[in-house]
Protein backbone atom coordinates (compact mmCIF):
# COMPACT_ATOMS: atom_id res chain seq x y z
CA MET A 1 -0.03 0.02 0.00
CA SER A 2 1.45 3.43 -0.90
CA VAL A 3 1.91 6.29 1.54
CA GLN A 4 -1.35 8.17 -0.08
CA GLN A 5 -3.27 5.05 0.50
CA GLU A 6 -2.27 4.64 3.93
CA THR A 7 -3.24 8.61 4.47
CA ASP A 8 -6.45 8.23 2.97
CA LEU A 9 -7.36 5.38 5.22
CA LYS A 10 -6.24 7.52 8.23
CA MET A 11 -8.59 10.55 7.10
CA MET A 12 -11.47 8.21 6.06
CA GLU A 13 -11.02 6.70 9.94
CA ILE A 14 -11.22 10.31 10.86
CA LEU A 15 -14.45 10.54 9.15
CA ARG A 16 -16.05 7.60 10.50
CA ILE A 17 -15.13 8.59 14.11
CA LEU A 18 -16.83 11.79 13.50
CA TYR A 19 -19.72 10.47 12.25
CA SER A 20 -20.21 7.48 14.76
CA LYS A 21 -19.75 10.30 17.52
CA ASN A 22 -22.18 12.57 16.09
CA GLU A 23 -20.58 15.74 18.04
CA THR A 24 -17.61 18.00 17.87
CA LEU A 25 -14.47 16.43 19.02
CA GLY A 26 -10.56 17.72 19.16
CA ALA A 27 -7.42 16.29 18.37
CA LYS A 28 -6.80 14.77 21.42
CA VAL A 29 -10.21 12.64 21.66
CA ILE A 30 -9.72 11.35 17.60
CA SER A 31 -6.14 10.46 18.48
CA GLU A 32 -7.45 8.36 21.23
CA GLU A 33 -10.14 6.84 19.41
CA LEU A 34 -7.64 6.47 16.24
CA LYS A 35 -5.09 4.04 18.79
CA LYS A 36 -8.26 1.62 19.53
CA ARG A 37 -8.30 1.12 16.04
CA GLY A 38 -5.27 0.54 15.22
CA TYR A 39 -3.38 3.53 13.88
CA SER A 40 -0.67 5.61 15.87
CA LEU A 41 -1.46 9.07 15.26
CA GLY A 42 -0.34 11.66 17.60
CA GLU A 43 -2.51 14.96 18.25
CA ARG A 44 -0.36 16.94 15.99
CA ALA A 45 -1.00 14.63 12.87
CA VAL A 46 -4.52 14.58 13.80
CA ARG A 47 -4.30 18.10 13.51
CA TYR A 48 -2.54 18.03 10.13
CA HIS A 49 -4.93 15.70 8.82
CA MET A 50 -7.74 17.51 10.00
CA ARG A 51 -6.84 20.67 7.84
CA ILE A 52 -6.69 18.68 4.79
CA LEU A 53 -10.10 17.18 5.74
CA ASP A 54 -11.41 20.97 6.31
CA GLU A 55 -10.12 22.08 3.00
CA LYS A 56 -11.86 18.97 1.22
CA GLY A 57 -15.29 20.56 2.70
CA PHE A 58 -15.51 17.14 4.76
CA THR A 59 -15.10 18.54 8.12
CA ARG A 60 -15.50 21.81 9.80
CA LYS A 61 -13.91 23.59 12.81
CA ILE A 62 -16.02 24.75 15.34
CA GLY A 63 -14.16 27.46 17.34
CA HIS A 64 -11.81 26.21 19.88
CA LYS A 65 -13.79 22.72 20.63
CA GLY A 66 -12.71 20.96 17.35
CA ARG A 67 -14.07 19.57 14.26
CA GLU A 68 -17.37 18.27 13.15
CA ILE A 69 -18.55 16.07 9.99
CA THR A 70 -20.15 17.84 7.13
CA ASN A 71 -22.71 16.61 4.72
CA LYS A 72 -19.77 16.31 1.93
CA GLY A 73 -18.03 14.38 4.46
CA ILE A 74 -20.73 11.73 5.27
CA GLU A 75 -21.27 11.55 1.05
CA GLU A 76 -17.41 10.99 1.19
CA LEU A 77 -17.62 8.29 4.05
CA ASN A 78 -20.32 6.57 1.86
CA GLU A 79 -18.54 6.65 -1.34
CA GLY A 80 -14.79 7.13 -0.83
CA LEU A 81 -11.94 4.66 -0.67
CA ILE A 82 -14.01 1.52 -2.14
CA TYR A 83 -11.18 -0.75 -1.12
CA ASP A 84 -11.51 0.34 2.30
CA GLN A 85 -15.58 -0.03 2.42
CA VAL A 86 -15.65 -3.27 1.17
CA ASP A 87 -13.75 -4.78 4.01
CA PHE A 88 -15.08 -2.35 6.35
CA ALA A 89 -19.05 -3.41 5.55
CA ASN A 90 -18.17 -6.83 6.99
CA SER A 91 -16.24 -5.61 9.86
CA ILE A 92 -19.28 -3.29 10.64
CA PHE A 93 -21.62 -6.60 11.19
CA GLN A 94 -19.01 -8.21 13.45
CA GLU A 95 -18.98 -4.97 15.37
CA LYS A 96 -22.79 -4.99 15.58
CA MET A 97 -22.77 -8.55 17.04
CA TYR A 98 -19.88 -7.86 19.27
CA ASN A 99 -22.12 -5.34 21.24
CA VAL A 100 -25.41 -7.18 21.51
CA THR A 101 -25.80 -7.81 25.15
CA LEU A 102 -29.53 -8.96 25.24
CA ASP A 103 -30.40 -11.77 27.99
CA THR A 104 -32.60 -14.52 26.86
CA SER A 105 -33.54 -15.17 30.69
CA THR A 106 -34.74 -11.18 31.00
CA GLY A 107 -35.13 -9.97 27.97
CA LYS A 108 -33.13 -7.36 28.85
CA GLY A 109 -30.02 -5.85 27.03
CA SER A 110 -29.35 -4.29 23.47
CA VAL A 111 -30.43 -5.46 20.36
CA ILE A 112 -29.34 -4.59 16.58
CA VAL A 113 -32.12 -2.74 15.02
CA ASN A 114 -32.91 -1.89 11.05
CA ILE A 115 -34.40 2.02 10.73
CA SER A 116 -36.74 3.38 8.23
CA SER A 117 -37.97 6.89 7.41
CA ILE A 118 -42.10 6.40 6.86
CA ASN A 119 -43.16 9.06 4.50
CA ASP A 120 -46.95 7.88 5.28
CA ASP A 121 -48.27 6.74 8.75
CA SER A 122 -50.95 4.77 7.26
CA ALA A 123 -48.15 2.44 6.37
CA ILE A 124 -47.80 1.16 9.97
CA SER A 125 -51.06 -0.20 9.29
CA ILE A 126 -49.29 -2.80 6.95
CA LEU A 127 -46.51 -3.12 9.16
CA GLU A 128 -49.01 -4.40 11.98
CA LYS A 129 -50.30 -7.04 10.11
CA VAL A 130 -46.69 -8.20 8.69
CA PHE A 131 -46.00 -8.80 12.85
CA GLU A 132 -49.78 -10.34 13.15
CA GLU A 133 -48.75 -13.15 10.91
CA GLY A 134 -45.25 -13.56 12.37
CA LEU A 135 -43.16 -12.58 9.29
CA ALA A 136 -40.64 -10.42 11.42
CA VAL A 137 -37.49 -11.48 13.72
CA SER A 138 -39.37 -9.99 16.65
CA LYS A 139 -42.39 -8.64 18.22
CA ASN A 140 -40.61 -4.95 19.41
CA ILE A 141 -40.60 -2.01 17.47
CA ASN A 142 -39.69 1.67 18.25
CA LEU A 143 -41.67 4.43 16.68
CA PHE A 144 -40.32 8.15 16.90
CA GLU A 145 -40.56 11.32 15.55
CA LYS A 146 -37.70 13.25 14.05
CA GLU A 147 -37.65 16.53 12.01
CA ASP A 148 -41.11 16.09 10.89
CA LYS A 149 -40.46 12.22 10.24
CA THR A 150 -41.55 8.76 11.32
CA PHE A 151 -38.93 6.59 12.01
CA ILE A 152 -39.60 2.99 12.78
CA GLN A 153 -36.79 0.57 14.36
CA ASN A 154 -37.22 -3.09 14.36
CA VAL A 155 -35.11 -5.80 15.40
CA CYS A 156 -32.50 -7.27 12.91
CA GLY A 157 -31.65 -10.97 12.56
CA THR A 158 -27.97 -10.08 13.08
CA THR A 159 -29.12 -10.06 16.80
CA ILE A 160 -29.50 -13.65 16.96
CA ASP A 161 -26.04 -13.91 15.71
CA GLY A 162 -24.72 -11.77 18.36
CA VAL A 163 -26.70 -13.71 20.96
CA PHE A 164 -25.14 -17.11 19.62
CA ARG A 165 -21.75 -15.46 20.21
CA LYS A 166 -22.28 -14.27 23.40
CA ASN A 167 -23.26 -17.55 24.59
CA GLY A 168 -20.38 -19.35 23.12
CA ILE A 169 -21.62 -20.59 19.79
CA ILE A 170 -19.38 -19.36 16.56
CA SER A 171 -22.28 -18.37 14.15
CA ARG A 172 -20.96 -17.08 10.55
CA PRO A 173 -23.41 -15.02 8.46
CA LEU A 174 -22.72 -16.36 5.11
CA TYR A 175 -25.39 -15.11 2.84
CA GLY A 176 -28.32 -12.81 2.62
CA GLY A 177 -30.78 -12.99 -0.19
CA LEU A 178 -34.61 -14.26 -1.16
CA VAL A 179 -36.42 -17.22 -0.10
CA LYS A 180 -39.40 -18.82 -2.46
CA ILE A 181 -42.16 -19.94 -0.17
CA GLU A 182 -44.92 -22.15 -2.15
CA ASP A 183 -48.08 -22.97 0.24
CA TYR A 184 -46.25 -21.79 3.16
CA VAL A 185 -43.26 -24.11 2.74
CA PRO A 186 -39.50 -22.53 2.64
CA ILE A 187 -38.72 -24.22 -1.20
CA LYS A 188 -35.36 -22.74 -1.37
CA PHE A 189 -33.14 -19.43 -1.83
CA ILE A 190 -33.23 -18.05 -5.40
CA ASN A 191 -30.88 -15.00 -4.81
CA GLN A 192 -28.21 -14.24 -2.55
CA ILE A 193 -25.12 -12.62 -2.37
CA SER A 194 -22.22 -12.85 0.29
CA TYR A 195 -21.56 -10.87 3.55
CA GLU A 196 -17.73 -10.93 2.27
CA LYS A 197 -16.17 -8.48 0.11
CA THR A 198 -19.46 -6.18 -0.51
CA SER A 199 -19.78 -2.64 -0.32
CA ILE A 200 -23.38 -2.78 0.24
CA THR A 201 -25.05 -5.37 2.68
CA PRO A 202 -26.80 -8.23 1.32
CA LEU A 203 -30.05 -7.62 2.44
CA GLU A 204 -29.78 -4.13 1.26
CA ALA A 205 -29.40 -5.04 -2.30
CA PHE A 206 -32.49 -6.83 -2.56
CA THR A 207 -34.71 -4.02 -0.91
CA ASP A 208 -36.23 -2.92 -3.98
CA LYS A 209 -40.21 -3.52 -4.00
CA SER A 210 -39.66 -5.46 -7.28
CA ASN A 211 -37.63 -8.27 -5.41
CA THR A 212 -40.12 -9.32 -3.00
CA SER A 213 -43.81 -10.50 -2.52
CA ILE A 214 -44.36 -10.53 1.24
CA LEU A 215 -47.95 -9.72 0.82
CA ASP A 216 -48.69 -12.56 -1.41
CA VAL A 217 -47.10 -14.95 1.27
CA MET A 218 -49.38 -13.37 4.02
CA ASN A 219 -52.35 -13.64 1.48
CA SER A 220 -51.51 -16.91 0.19
CA GLY A 221 -48.56 -18.61 1.32
CA THR A 222 -47.07 -18.29 -2.16
CA GLY A 223 -44.29 -15.42 -2.69
CA ILE A 224 -40.72 -14.73 -1.86
CA ILE A 225 -39.39 -13.00 1.38
CA PRO A 226 -35.67 -11.79 2.70
CA ALA A 227 -33.77 -14.16 4.28
CA ASN A 228 -30.14 -14.69 5.96
CA PHE A 229 -28.26 -17.82 6.21
CA ARG A 230 -25.47 -18.59 8.60
CA ILE A 231 -23.88 -21.52 10.08
CA ILE A 232 -22.71 -22.87 13.48
CA PRO A 233 -20.67 -25.64 14.38
CA ALA A 234 -22.74 -29.15 14.79
CA ALA A 235 -21.03 -29.58 18.19
CA LYS A 236 -23.22 -26.83 19.09
CA GLU A 237 -26.85 -27.87 17.95
CA LYS A 238 -28.08 -28.78 21.28
CA ASP A 239 -27.23 -25.53 22.64
CA ALA A 240 -27.93 -23.63 19.73
CA THR A 241 -31.58 -24.98 20.05
CA ILE A 242 -31.96 -24.08 23.56
CA LEU A 243 -31.32 -20.76 22.87
CA LEU A 244 -33.86 -20.21 20.12
CA ASN A 245 -36.39 -21.51 22.14
CA ASN A 246 -35.47 -18.84 24.98
CA LEU A 247 -35.44 -16.40 22.21
CA LYS A 248 -38.82 -17.46 21.39
CA LYS A 249 -40.18 -16.85 24.76
CA ILE A 250 -39.19 -13.12 24.44
CA GLY A 251 -40.58 -12.71 21.31
CA ILE A 252 -37.57 -13.13 18.87
CA ASN A 253 -38.36 -16.05 16.50
CA GLY A 254 -37.87 -15.31 12.63
CA LEU A 255 -36.56 -19.20 12.36
CA ILE A 256 -37.38 -20.35 8.81
CA GLN A 257 -35.35 -23.56 8.97
CA MET A 258 -32.39 -25.40 10.74
CA GLY A 259 -30.51 -27.75 9.34
CA LYS A 260 -29.03 -31.05 10.62
CA PRO A 261 -24.97 -31.62 10.61
CA ASN A 262 -23.56 -31.25 6.88
CA GLU A 263 -27.15 -31.01 5.50
CA SER A 264 -27.68 -28.67 2.62
CA ILE A 265 -30.94 -26.30 3.47
CA LEU A 266 -32.97 -24.60 1.11
CA GLY A 267 -30.61 -25.14 -1.77
CA VAL A 268 -27.70 -23.75 0.23
CA PRO A 269 -25.09 -26.07 0.41
CA ALA A 270 -23.60 -27.08 3.95
CA TYR A 271 -19.91 -27.09 5.18
CA GLU A 272 -18.51 -30.39 7.01
CA ASP A 273 -19.57 -30.87 10.50
CA MET A 274 -21.61 -27.08 10.16
CA ILE A 275 -25.49 -26.94 10.60
CA GLY A 276 -27.38 -23.96 8.43
CA ILE A 277 -29.57 -21.56 9.56
CA ALA A 278 -31.86 -19.47 7.79
CA ILE A 279 -33.63 -16.92 9.61
CA ILE A 280 -36.46 -13.94 8.24
CA GLY A 281 -34.73 -10.95 7.08
CA GLY A 282 -35.42 -8.29 9.72
CA ILE A 283 -36.41 -5.66 6.82
CA THR A 284 -39.30 -8.10 6.02
CA PRO A 285 -42.10 -5.82 7.40
CA LEU A 286 -40.25 -2.85 6.04
CA CYS A 287 -40.31 -4.19 2.53
CA ALA A 288 -43.75 -5.44 2.56
CA ALA A 289 -44.72 -1.65 3.42
CA GLN A 290 -42.58 -0.93 0.09
CA GLU A 291 -44.84 -3.24 -1.91
CA ALA A 292 -48.02 -1.95 -0.89
CA GLY A 293 -46.65 1.86 -2.57
CA TYR A 294 -45.30 3.32 0.79
CA ASN A 295 -41.90 5.35 0.15
CA LEU A 296 -39.35 3.86 2.81
CA ASP A 297 -35.60 4.65 3.33
CA ILE A 298 -34.45 1.35 4.65
CA LYS A 299 -30.85 1.37 6.73
CA VAL A 300 -29.96 -2.42 7.43
CA ALA A 301 -28.34 -3.08 11.22
CA ASP A 302 -27.97 0.72 11.40
CA ASP A 303 -28.39 1.16 15.21
CA TYR A 304 -28.82 -0.47 18.60
CA ALA A 305 -31.81 -0.10 21.04
CA GLU A 306 -32.71 -1.42 24.28
CA TYR A 307 -34.81 -4.22 23.97
CA GLN A 308 -36.77 -4.20 27.22
CA SER A 309 -37.79 -0.54 26.20
CA MET A 310 -39.39 -1.32 22.76
CA LYS A 311 -42.80 -1.26 21.98
CA THR A 312 -44.72 -4.82 21.83
CA MET A 313 -46.96 -5.50 18.49
CA ASN A 314 -49.41 -8.13 18.43
CA TYR A 315 -47.30 -10.93 17.25
CA ARG A 316 -47.59 -14.51 16.11
CA SER A 317 -45.24 -16.21 18.00
CA ASP A 318 -45.59 -19.84 16.22
CA SER A 319 -43.95 -20.01 12.70
CA ILE A 320 -46.31 -19.23 9.79
CA PHE A 321 -44.28 -21.78 7.88
CA LYS A 322 -44.77 -25.54 7.21
CA PRO A 323 -41.99 -27.82 7.59
CA ASN A 324 -39.91 -28.91 4.76
CA TYR A 325 -39.40 -32.15 5.06
CA LEU A 326 -37.73 -32.78 1.71
CA GLU A 327 -34.04 -31.61 1.23
CA THR A 328 -33.92 -29.36 -1.68
CA THR A 329 -32.33 -31.39 -4.45
CA ASP A 330 -32.30 -27.68 -6.53
CA LYS A 331 -29.18 -26.29 -5.37
CA ILE A 332 -28.52 -22.74 -5.60
CA SER A 333 -26.54 -21.71 -8.29
CA PHE A 334 -23.46 -19.20 -8.11
CA ILE A 335 -22.78 -16.62 -10.73
CA LEU A 336 -19.03 -17.66 -11.14
CA THR A 337 -20.45 -21.28 -12.10
CA LYS A 338 -21.96 -20.01 -14.97
CA ILE A 339 -19.49 -17.52 -15.74
CA TYR A 340 -16.50 -19.96 -15.99
CA ASN A 341 -18.59 -22.08 -18.13
CA LEU A 342 -19.62 -19.38 -20.83
CA ILE A 343 -15.80 -17.78 -20.70
CA SER A 344 -14.91 -21.76 -21.55
CA ASN A 345 -17.55 -21.52 -24.73
CA VAL A 346 -16.00 -17.87 -25.83
CA THR A 347 -14.31 -18.80 -29.61
CA PHE A 348 -14.04 -14.80 -30.33
CA ASP A 349 -10.84 -14.24 -32.65
CA PRO A 350 -9.89 -10.46 -32.28
CA GLN A 351 -7.82 -10.57 -35.47
CA THR A 352 -10.52 -12.14 -37.86
CA PHE A 353 -13.87 -10.49 -35.86
CA ALA A 354 -15.39 -13.98 -36.04
CA GLY A 355 -16.44 -16.58 -33.49
CA ASP A 356 -18.62 -16.88 -30.13
CA VAL A 357 -19.24 -13.94 -27.36
CA ILE A 358 -21.04 -13.78 -24.32
CA THR A 359 -24.05 -11.74 -24.31
CA ASN A 360 -26.71 -10.25 -22.14
CA VAL A 361 -30.25 -10.71 -23.41
CA SER A 362 -33.10 -8.41 -21.87
CA TYR A 363 -36.70 -8.57 -23.40
CA ILE A 364 -38.97 -5.65 -24.57
CA ASP A 365 -42.47 -5.06 -26.25
CA LYS A 366 -41.99 -5.52 -29.88
CA GLN A 367 -43.55 -1.90 -30.07
CA TYR A 368 -40.70 -0.20 -28.36
CA VAL A 369 -37.92 -1.81 -30.33
CA ASP A 370 -37.07 1.21 -32.86
CA ASP A 371 -37.20 3.71 -29.94
CA CYS A 372 -34.65 1.46 -27.97
CA ILE A 373 -32.43 1.59 -30.83
CA GLU A 374 -32.83 5.37 -31.13
CA LEU A 375 -31.99 5.52 -27.59
CA LEU A 376 -29.02 3.26 -28.12
CA ASN A 377 -27.65 5.33 -31.07
CA LYS A 378 -27.86 8.31 -29.40
CA SER A 379 -26.63 7.29 -25.82
CA TYR A 380 -23.40 5.50 -27.21
CA LYS A 381 -22.74 8.81 -29.53
CA LEU A 382 -22.68 11.08 -26.10
CA ASN A 383 -20.71 9.10 -24.25
CA PRO A 384 -19.24 5.84 -26.18
CA GLU A 385 -16.45 5.66 -23.18
CA TYR A 386 -19.22 4.47 -20.87
CA TYR A 387 -19.69 1.22 -22.91
CA MET A 388 -18.42 -1.95 -23.84
CA GLY A 389 -18.79 -1.63 -27.57
CA ASN A 390 -21.32 -0.29 -30.24
CA LYS A 391 -22.56 -3.67 -31.13
CA TYR A 392 -26.22 -4.78 -30.24
CA ALA A 393 -28.56 -7.69 -31.69
CA VAL A 394 -32.68 -8.08 -31.85
CA LEU A 395 -33.74 -11.54 -31.42
CA ASN A 396 -37.54 -12.75 -32.31
CA GLU A 397 -38.09 -15.79 -30.17
CA ASN A 398 -40.92 -18.00 -29.84
CA ASN A 399 -43.47 -15.86 -31.72
CA SER A 400 -44.23 -13.89 -28.49
CA ASP A 401 -44.87 -10.13 -28.22
CA LYS A 402 -41.56 -9.83 -26.46
CA VAL A 403 -38.31 -9.27 -28.23
CA GLY A 404 -34.89 -9.96 -27.03
CA LEU A 405 -32.22 -7.13 -27.14
CA ALA A 406 -28.76 -8.42 -26.91
CA THR A 407 -25.41 -6.63 -26.15
CA ILE A 408 -22.14 -8.11 -25.51
CA CYS A 409 -21.07 -8.99 -22.31
CA SER A 410 -17.55 -7.52 -21.10
CA LEU A 411 -16.58 -11.12 -19.89
CA THR A 412 -16.21 -12.08 -23.35
CA ILE A 413 -12.74 -10.43 -22.79
CA ASN A 414 -11.77 -13.13 -19.97
CA GLY A 415 -13.11 -15.31 -22.23
CA ILE A 416 -10.33 -14.29 -25.09
CA LEU A 417 -7.54 -14.21 -23.05
CA THR A 418 -8.29 -17.82 -21.47
CA ASN A 419 -7.99 -18.74 -25.17
CA SER A 420 -4.43 -17.67 -25.29
CA GLY A 421 -3.87 -19.68 -21.84
CA ILE A 422 -3.74 -16.59 -19.76
CA TYR A 423 -6.14 -16.65 -16.55
CA SER A 424 -8.27 -13.55 -16.22
CA SER A 425 -10.55 -14.10 -13.44
CA PRO A 426 -13.68 -11.74 -12.61
CA GLN A 427 -13.22 -9.97 -9.13
CA TYR A 428 -16.09 -7.42 -8.33
CA SER A 429 -18.86 -5.74 -10.32
CA GLY A 430 -19.87 -2.17 -9.39
CA ILE A 431 -20.68 1.37 -9.95
CA LEU A 432 -17.99 3.73 -11.69
CA LYS A 433 -18.39 7.21 -10.89
CA PHE A 434 -17.12 9.88 -13.53
CA GLU A 435 -16.46 13.15 -12.04
CA GLU A 436 -14.60 15.80 -14.06
CA ASN A 437 -11.09 14.10 -14.06
CA ASN A 438 -11.73 11.68 -11.38
CA ARG A 439 -12.94 8.34 -11.50
CA ARG A 440 -13.50 5.81 -8.65
CA PHE A 441 -15.60 2.91 -7.80
CA THR A 442 -18.64 3.73 -5.51
CA GLU A 443 -19.96 0.57 -5.10
CA LEU A 444 -18.41 -2.95 -5.16
CA ILE A 445 -19.75 -6.65 -4.76
CA SER A 446 -17.56 -9.60 -5.75
CA TYR A 447 -18.56 -11.90 -7.91
CA LYS A 448 -17.76 -14.89 -5.64
CA GLY A 449 -20.54 -15.90 -3.48
CA SER A 450 -23.16 -14.43 -5.37
CA SER A 451 -25.95 -16.11 -7.39
CA VAL A 452 -26.91 -13.13 -9.31
CA ASP A 453 -25.01 -10.58 -11.41
CA PRO A 454 -24.74 -7.70 -9.24
CA HIS A 455 -25.00 -5.41 -12.05
CA GLU A 456 -28.62 -6.54 -12.20
CA ILE A 457 -28.86 -5.60 -8.44
CA PHE A 458 -27.67 -2.06 -9.48
CA ILE A 459 -29.66 -1.23 -12.15
CA LYS A 460 -32.59 -2.21 -9.97
CA LYS A 461 -31.49 -0.18 -6.98
CA HIS A 462 -31.33 2.96 -9.21
CA LEU A 463 -27.65 3.53 -8.68
CA ILE A 464 -27.00 4.21 -12.23
CA ASN A 465 -26.89 7.62 -14.02
CA LEU A 466 -25.76 7.84 -17.59
CA SER A 467 -27.02 11.18 -18.06
CA THR A 468 -24.53 14.09 -19.16
CA ASN A 469 -26.86 16.44 -17.89
CA SER A 470 -25.24 16.35 -14.31
CA SER A 471 -21.60 17.12 -12.72
CA SER A 472 -21.10 13.30 -12.25
CA SER A 473 -22.06 9.98 -13.99
CA LYS A 474 -22.29 6.56 -12.93
CA ILE A 475 -21.95 3.38 -14.88
CA LEU A 476 -21.53 0.11 -14.40
CA ALA A 477 -18.19 -1.47 -14.48
CA SER A 478 -16.00 -4.57 -13.55
CA VAL A 479 -12.77 -5.45 -12.38
CA HIS A 480 -10.73 -8.33 -13.31
CA SER A 481 -7.70 -9.65 -12.29
CA ILE A 482 -4.63 -11.62 -13.98
CA PRO A 483 -1.33 -12.86 -12.63
CA TYR A 484 1.53 -10.55 -13.23
CA VAL A 485 3.84 -13.38 -14.92
CA SER A 486 1.51 -13.05 -18.11
CA ARG A 487 1.22 -9.26 -18.05
CA ASP A 488 3.22 -8.79 -21.59
CA ASP A 489 1.34 -11.59 -23.57
CA ALA A 490 -2.07 -10.22 -21.88
CA LEU A 491 -1.12 -6.37 -23.05
CA ASP A 492 -0.70 -7.39 -26.43
CA ILE A 493 -4.09 -9.26 -26.70
CA LEU A 494 -6.04 -6.43 -24.88
CA SER A 495 -4.44 -3.59 -26.86
CA SER A 496 -5.81 -5.54 -30.04
CA LEU A 497 -9.04 -5.59 -28.66
CA ASP A 498 -9.59 -1.89 -29.54
CA ASP A 499 -10.24 -2.50 -32.99
CA SER A 500 -13.06 -5.02 -32.03
CA SER A 501 -15.87 -2.81 -30.28
CA PHE A 502 -14.31 -3.99 -26.99
CA ASN A 503 -13.81 -0.88 -24.55
CA ILE A 504 -11.22 -1.29 -21.63
CA LEU A 505 -11.61 1.42 -19.18
CA THR A 506 -7.82 1.02 -17.91
CA ILE A 507 -5.04 -1.41 -17.13
CA GLY A 508 -3.46 -1.27 -14.12
CA GLU A 509 0.50 -1.95 -13.02
CA PRO A 510 1.15 -5.15 -10.89
CA ASN A 511 -0.39 -4.67 -7.15
CA GLN A 512 -1.94 -1.71 -8.30
CA TYR A 513 -5.49 -0.60 -7.02
CA ILE A 514 -7.77 0.14 -10.11
CA TYR A 515 -10.13 3.24 -9.61
CA ASN A 516 -9.81 2.43 -5.81
CA ALA A 517 -10.79 -1.27 -6.27
CA LYS A 518 -7.86 -3.90 -4.55
CA ILE A 519 -6.24 -6.32 -6.51
CA ASP A 520 -4.59 -9.40 -5.28
CA MET A 521 -0.79 -9.53 -4.67
CA TYR A 522 1.30 -10.65 -7.63
CA ASN A 523 -1.74 -9.65 -10.05
CA PHE A 524 -2.72 -6.55 -12.18
CA GLY A 525 -6.02 -5.74 -12.95
CA TYR A 526 -8.15 -3.96 -15.66
CA ALA A 527 -11.46 -2.20 -15.73
CA VAL A 528 -14.14 -2.38 -18.43
CA PRO A 529 -17.63 -0.78 -18.68
CA GLY A 530 -20.59 -3.18 -18.39
CA GLY A 531 -22.26 -4.85 -21.32
CA LEU A 532 -25.48 -3.78 -19.72
CA ASN A 533 -25.02 0.06 -20.11
CA LEU A 534 -26.59 0.11 -22.83
CA ILE A 535 -29.48 -1.49 -21.51
CA ALA A 536 -29.40 0.77 -18.36
CA SER A 537 -29.63 3.81 -21.09
CA ILE A 538 -33.05 2.48 -21.98
CA ASN A 539 -34.00 1.73 -18.50
CA GLU A 540 -33.38 5.42 -17.36
CA ASN A 541 -35.90 6.30 -19.90
CA ASP A 542 -38.64 4.36 -18.33
CA ILE A 543 -39.27 1.74 -20.97
CA ALA A 544 -40.60 -1.19 -19.11
CA MET A 545 -37.54 -3.96 -19.74
CA ASP A 546 -36.97 -7.52 -18.35
CA ILE A 547 -32.93 -7.09 -17.58
CA LYS A 548 -31.19 -10.16 -18.03
CA SER A 549 -26.81 -10.24 -17.73
CA ILE A 550 -24.72 -13.11 -18.73
CA GLU A 551 -27.25 -15.35 -20.63
CA LYS A 552 -25.47 -17.20 -23.40
CA ASN A 553 -22.86 -17.44 -26.23
CA MET A 554 -23.51 -15.93 -29.72
CA ASP A 555 -22.06 -15.45 -32.70
CA TYR A 556 -20.80 -12.24 -33.26
CA SER A 557 -21.52 -11.75 -36.73
CA ASN A 558 -25.25 -11.81 -35.27
CA PHE A 559 -24.71 -8.29 -34.00
CA GLU A 560 -25.29 -5.32 -35.58
CA THR A 561 -23.52 -1.58 -35.58
CA LEU A 562 -24.69 1.35 -33.54
């Protein structure tokens, strides 16, 4: 790590301290807090860093009291140093779990809570119904007013992991995602992402109202709900069962399914001598309100509350779910498995412009085809750098009213390199922010541990801005890694792609960060725009689309040029 990166990390940690304390702090207090976090920085050095933060507008000096963080500083905290955010996101969950003090015998102590603002108090009636059905982690909530807004705090499922750990049970949250329910029987996880190597919390990734159908589960027993998956040692099966029963007695349940040692549950494979446990996502009541049309700003595992002081709701303590006695044979598929197979079928030759490439295929109504192609032409001509290339194809399939709109997936480049004996590994999918002459990733999700292409998540969460009417744009992009021993040969191939409608944003040096994304030691990285950016440009213009990425291999000759 360079000296500048170390300095940036220290300044980011100062911002975190100011934000978490939410008060004006002097150099002495900040220096003491930094030491707790592993940074040896004296008061004089802190003042030096604080002056830099003042100049950037991230902090402001308040007389002789010290500094406070500004709104610009909070924005920087959310978007800056993505390599730090990726590691920090998981560490926050570890911190939250450690600070849980709930005593299951007394029902007293701190729990982790999600927090959401509510734009309409009538949404509370929807929340009440969700609690009555038992589709929540706990019966307890907090409602309060702040700055003319109503806020709700409800218990986060990670509280259960904290209780496990306080009682000597190693609980390791692995995934957050969506579970399919049929006739009140939990069937399988249909989407998930890992808690590790992501800048966005897993369940927060699936909070868009188009992802869930909680109201359908309440009405008919069939639908999709948010859930978390963790594993515990098989040696603690009895202790964990006792704790879950004790939690149920004080109004904390949310259990979907607990497996047996070495047993897969809900399509997720178990580790050897470990037990899988699936818990309802704490955000489930909040997502249900979103489905009903209410606008909520959901923050996952955002704070703590004293459990005994929270308001008690009418709550169904026994589970709404029927047991699933059959082990799910349809295992969840991880996106990397699909990616590696598609990469292996790439035959495109950049010298002859012939062969198969990987494509994204999204679907639109036939009546919008001409409008979409016109938008593609306009978007590409305005900012060609934002896009993988200028190729598209219209696919008429199965005589339906829908047509497929195909674009070339950037993972094709991995296939081209693979065919030359060069291992090119997809590392992260993310949001790349263009701001004047500065480029940096503001969100990253690792391909590893994900069952869905993260780019689809980013589109659904409306995190992309391809418009040229603002001071900054945000595009889909990805980071890939290559062993540095093959650097010279890889550079020859990557440079040859310029004439083949494959846009490469940057190629790094060995061990160099790529737009703030970390590359493993003894590797170098490159970044490319996402093949779905063309589709995202259509989506920004409110044309309804069924967006699909990394779909299949297609012959390059089937594509047309914008």
